[in-house]
């Protein structure tokens, strides 16, 4: 079984707004966002995945998610995640 968690950034195709989150199952989570089964993104989609980053633990994913949210600027959060993905 895959023990990876992911921090992800999705974008609303209707409003252009971004959402940052973490999950253990990226495919299922994106489906749930698009089925209006998430409180913060409900009725604001459709949503598309912009970027995801794998983490080794839930704690690591939560910490990275909080760090990205502190940027208060989605473009900066995306740039930071892109740098992490480049290693």
N, C-alpha and C. Protein backbone atom coordinates (compact mmCIF):
# COMPACT_ATOMS: atom_id res chain seq x y z
N UNK A 1 0.84 -1.20 0.00
CA UNK A 1 0.00 0.00 0.00
C UNK A 1 0.87 1.25 0.00
N UNK A 2 0.42 2.25 -0.70
CA UNK A 2 1.16 3.50 -0.81
C UNK A 2 0.94 4.34 0.44
N UNK A 3 2.02 4.66 1.14
CA UNK A 3 1.91 5.43 2.37
C UNK A 3 2.16 6.92 2.17
N UNK A 4 2.30 7.35 0.93
CA UNK A 4 2.57 8.75 0.67
C UNK A 4 1.33 9.62 0.88
N UNK A 5 1.59 10.79 1.37
CA UNK A 5 0.58 11.85 1.41
C UNK A 5 0.99 12.85 0.34
N UNK A 6 0.06 13.67 -0.08
CA UNK A 6 0.37 14.71 -1.06
C UNK A 6 -0.16 16.05 -0.57
N UNK A 7 0.62 17.08 -0.81
CA UNK A 7 0.14 18.45 -0.69
C UNK A 7 -0.19 18.86 -2.12
N UNK A 8 -1.34 19.48 -2.31
CA UNK A 8 -1.77 19.79 -3.66
C UNK A 8 -2.34 21.20 -3.75
N UNK A 9 -2.29 21.72 -4.96
CA UNK A 9 -2.92 23.01 -5.27
C UNK A 9 -3.85 22.75 -6.44
N UNK A 10 -5.11 23.15 -6.27
CA UNK A 10 -6.09 23.05 -7.34
C UNK A 10 -6.59 24.45 -7.69
N UNK A 11 -7.12 24.57 -8.90
CA UNK A 11 -7.62 25.86 -9.37
C UNK A 11 -9.05 25.70 -9.86
N UNK A 12 -9.89 26.64 -9.46
CA UNK A 12 -11.28 26.66 -9.93
C UNK A 12 -11.32 27.20 -11.34
N UNK A 13 -11.90 26.42 -12.25
CA UNK A 13 -12.02 26.87 -13.63
C UNK A 13 -13.12 27.92 -13.79
N UNK A 14 -14.00 28.04 -12.80
CA UNK A 14 -15.07 29.04 -12.89
C UNK A 14 -14.66 30.39 -12.31
N UNK A 15 -13.85 30.38 -11.26
CA UNK A 15 -13.50 31.66 -10.61
C UNK A 15 -12.02 32.02 -10.72
N UNK A 16 -11.18 31.05 -11.04
CA UNK A 16 -9.75 31.30 -11.10
C UNK A 16 -9.07 31.25 -9.74
N UNK A 17 -9.82 30.96 -8.69
CA UNK A 17 -9.25 30.90 -7.34
C UNK A 17 -8.55 29.56 -7.12
N UNK A 18 -7.60 29.59 -6.18
CA UNK A 18 -6.82 28.40 -5.86
C UNK A 18 -7.19 27.87 -4.48
N UNK A 19 -6.94 26.58 -4.29
CA UNK A 19 -7.15 25.94 -3.00
C UNK A 19 -5.94 25.04 -2.74
N UNK A 20 -5.44 25.08 -1.51
CA UNK A 20 -4.30 24.27 -1.10
C UNK A 20 -4.78 23.27 -0.06
N UNK A 21 -4.39 22.01 -0.22
CA UNK A 21 -4.78 20.99 0.74
C UNK A 21 -3.78 19.86 0.78
N UNK A 22 -4.09 18.85 1.60
CA UNK A 22 -3.27 17.64 1.64
C UNK A 22 -4.20 16.43 1.69
N UNK A 23 -3.68 15.30 1.21
CA UNK A 23 -4.50 14.11 1.13
C UNK A 23 -3.64 12.85 1.06
N UNK A 24 -4.26 11.72 1.36
CA UNK A 24 -3.61 10.43 1.24
C UNK A 24 -3.94 9.79 -0.11
N UNK A 25 -5.02 10.26 -0.77
CA UNK A 25 -5.45 9.72 -2.06
C UNK A 25 -5.80 10.89 -2.98
N UNK A 26 -4.85 11.28 -3.80
CA UNK A 26 -5.00 12.48 -4.63
C UNK A 26 -6.14 12.37 -5.64
N UNK A 27 -6.25 11.23 -6.31
CA UNK A 27 -7.32 11.07 -7.31
C UNK A 27 -8.71 11.18 -6.67
N UNK A 28 -8.90 10.49 -5.55
CA UNK A 28 -10.19 10.54 -4.86
C UNK A 28 -10.49 11.94 -4.34
N UNK A 29 -9.48 12.61 -3.84
CA UNK A 29 -9.68 13.95 -3.28
C UNK A 29 -10.13 14.93 -4.37
N UNK A 30 -9.51 14.86 -5.53
CA UNK A 30 -9.90 15.74 -6.62
C UNK A 30 -11.34 15.45 -7.06
N UNK A 31 -11.70 14.16 -7.11
CA UNK A 31 -13.09 13.80 -7.43
C UNK A 31 -14.05 14.40 -6.41
N UNK A 32 -13.70 14.31 -5.14
CA UNK A 32 -14.57 14.84 -4.09
C UNK A 32 -14.73 16.36 -4.20
N UNK A 33 -13.64 17.06 -4.54
CA UNK A 33 -13.77 18.50 -4.76
C UNK A 33 -14.75 18.78 -5.90
N UNK A 34 -14.65 18.02 -6.97
CA UNK A 34 -15.51 18.25 -8.13
C UNK A 34 -16.93 17.74 -7.96
N UNK A 35 -17.17 16.92 -6.93
CA UNK A 35 -18.52 16.45 -6.62
C UNK A 35 -19.15 17.27 -5.49
N UNK A 36 -18.54 18.41 -5.17
CA UNK A 36 -19.05 19.31 -4.13
C UNK A 36 -19.13 18.64 -2.76
N UNK A 37 -18.17 17.75 -2.48
CA UNK A 37 -18.15 17.04 -1.21
C UNK A 37 -17.09 17.60 -0.26
N UNK A 38 -16.65 18.82 -0.51
CA UNK A 38 -15.68 19.49 0.35
C UNK A 38 -16.25 20.85 0.73
N UNK A 39 -16.26 21.13 2.01
CA UNK A 39 -16.90 22.35 2.52
C UNK A 39 -16.36 23.62 1.87
N UNK A 40 -15.05 23.76 1.81
CA UNK A 40 -14.46 25.02 1.35
C UNK A 40 -14.50 25.21 -0.16
N UNK A 41 -14.64 24.13 -0.90
CA UNK A 41 -14.64 24.25 -2.36
C UNK A 41 -16.00 23.96 -2.98
N UNK A 42 -16.98 23.68 -2.14
CA UNK A 42 -18.31 23.33 -2.62
C UNK A 42 -18.89 24.43 -3.51
N UNK A 43 -19.42 24.02 -4.65
CA UNK A 43 -20.09 24.91 -5.62
C UNK A 43 -19.18 25.99 -6.19
N UNK A 44 -17.87 25.76 -6.14
CA UNK A 44 -16.92 26.75 -6.67
C UNK A 44 -16.12 26.18 -7.82
N UNK A 45 -16.43 24.98 -8.26
CA UNK A 45 -15.67 24.30 -9.31
C UNK A 45 -16.23 24.58 -10.68
N UNK A 46 -15.80 23.83 -11.66
CA UNK A 46 -14.96 22.64 -11.56
C UNK A 46 -13.52 22.98 -11.20
N UNK A 47 -12.85 21.99 -10.62
CA UNK A 47 -11.48 22.15 -10.14
C UNK A 47 -10.52 21.32 -10.98
N UNK A 48 -9.32 21.88 -11.19
CA UNK A 48 -8.28 21.11 -11.87
C UNK A 48 -7.02 21.14 -11.01
N UNK A 49 -6.28 20.05 -11.07
CA UNK A 49 -5.04 19.95 -10.32
C UNK A 49 -3.98 20.81 -10.99
N UNK A 50 -3.34 21.67 -10.21
CA UNK A 50 -2.26 22.52 -10.71
C UNK A 50 -0.93 21.84 -10.43
N UNK A 51 -0.77 21.37 -9.19
CA UNK A 51 0.51 20.83 -8.76
C UNK A 51 0.33 19.98 -7.52
N UNK A 52 1.13 18.96 -7.39
CA UNK A 52 1.11 18.13 -6.18
C UNK A 52 2.54 17.80 -5.79
N UNK A 53 2.74 17.59 -4.50
CA UNK A 53 4.07 17.24 -3.99
C UNK A 53 3.93 16.09 -3.00
N UNK A 54 4.71 15.02 -3.18
CA UNK A 54 4.61 13.88 -2.27
C UNK A 54 5.33 14.13 -0.94
N UNK A 55 4.72 13.66 0.13
CA UNK A 55 5.31 13.76 1.47
C UNK A 55 5.33 12.37 2.09
N UNK A 56 6.29 12.13 2.97
CA UNK A 56 6.46 10.81 3.57
C UNK A 56 5.53 10.54 4.74
N UNK A 57 4.91 11.59 5.28
CA UNK A 57 4.02 11.40 6.43
C UNK A 57 2.93 12.45 6.41
N UNK A 58 1.88 12.18 7.16
CA UNK A 58 0.79 13.16 7.28
C UNK A 58 1.31 14.43 7.93
N UNK A 59 2.15 14.28 8.96
CA UNK A 59 2.69 15.45 9.65
C UNK A 59 3.48 16.34 8.68
N UNK A 60 4.31 15.73 7.84
CA UNK A 60 5.08 16.50 6.86
C UNK A 60 4.14 17.24 5.90
N UNK A 61 3.08 16.55 5.47
CA UNK A 61 2.12 17.16 4.54
C UNK A 61 1.39 18.34 5.19
N UNK A 62 0.97 18.17 6.43
CA UNK A 62 0.26 19.24 7.14
C UNK A 62 1.17 20.45 7.30
N UNK A 63 2.42 20.21 7.68
CA UNK A 63 3.36 21.32 7.87
C UNK A 63 3.60 22.08 6.57
N UNK A 64 3.76 21.35 5.47
CA UNK A 64 3.97 22.00 4.17
C UNK A 64 2.72 22.76 3.74
N UNK A 65 1.55 22.17 3.95
CA UNK A 65 0.30 22.86 3.60
C UNK A 65 0.19 24.18 4.34
N UNK A 66 0.47 24.16 5.63
CA UNK A 66 0.40 25.39 6.43
C UNK A 66 1.41 26.43 5.94
N UNK A 67 2.60 25.98 5.59
CA UNK A 67 3.63 26.90 5.08
C UNK A 67 3.15 27.57 3.79
N UNK A 68 2.58 26.78 2.88
CA UNK A 68 2.09 27.32 1.61
C UNK A 68 0.95 28.31 1.84
N UNK A 69 0.06 28.00 2.77
CA UNK A 69 -1.07 28.89 3.05
C UNK A 69 -0.61 30.22 3.66
N UNK A 70 0.52 30.20 4.35
CA UNK A 70 1.04 31.44 4.94
C UNK A 70 1.56 32.42 3.90
N UNK A 71 1.85 31.94 2.70
CA UNK A 71 2.28 32.84 1.63
C UNK A 71 1.20 33.86 1.29
N UNK A 72 -0.06 33.51 1.48
CA UNK A 72 -1.20 34.39 1.18
C UNK A 72 -1.22 34.82 -0.29
N UNK A 73 -0.46 34.12 -1.11
CA UNK A 73 -0.38 34.44 -2.53
C UNK A 73 -0.19 33.13 -3.26
N UNK A 74 -1.17 32.74 -4.03
CA UNK A 74 -1.14 31.44 -4.69
C UNK A 74 0.03 31.28 -5.64
N UNK A 75 0.39 32.35 -6.34
CA UNK A 75 1.50 32.27 -7.29
C UNK A 75 2.81 31.96 -6.57
N UNK A 76 3.01 32.54 -5.39
CA UNK A 76 4.22 32.27 -4.60
C UNK A 76 4.20 30.84 -4.08
N UNK A 77 3.03 30.36 -3.68
CA UNK A 77 2.90 28.99 -3.19
C UNK A 77 3.20 28.01 -4.31
N UNK A 78 2.70 28.28 -5.51
CA UNK A 78 2.96 27.42 -6.66
C UNK A 78 4.44 27.41 -6.98
N UNK A 79 5.08 28.58 -7.00
CA UNK A 79 6.51 28.67 -7.29
C UNK A 79 7.32 27.88 -6.26
N UNK A 80 6.94 27.98 -4.99
CA UNK A 80 7.65 27.26 -3.93
C UNK A 80 7.52 25.75 -4.14
N UNK A 81 6.32 25.29 -4.45
CA UNK A 81 6.09 23.86 -4.66
C UNK A 81 6.83 23.37 -5.91
N UNK A 82 6.88 24.20 -6.94
CA UNK A 82 7.62 23.82 -8.14
C UNK A 82 9.11 23.64 -7.83
N UNK A 83 9.67 24.52 -7.00
CA UNK A 83 11.08 24.39 -6.60
C UNK A 83 11.30 23.09 -5.84
N UNK A 84 10.37 22.74 -4.94
CA UNK A 84 10.49 21.49 -4.21
C UNK A 84 10.46 20.29 -5.15
N UNK A 85 9.59 20.35 -6.14
CA UNK A 85 9.46 19.25 -7.10
C UNK A 85 10.72 19.09 -7.95
N UNK A 86 11.43 20.18 -8.16
CA UNK A 86 12.65 20.12 -8.95
C UNK A 86 13.82 19.57 -8.15
N UNK A 87 13.64 19.51 -6.83
CA UNK A 87 14.61 18.90 -5.95
C UNK A 87 15.79 19.74 -5.66
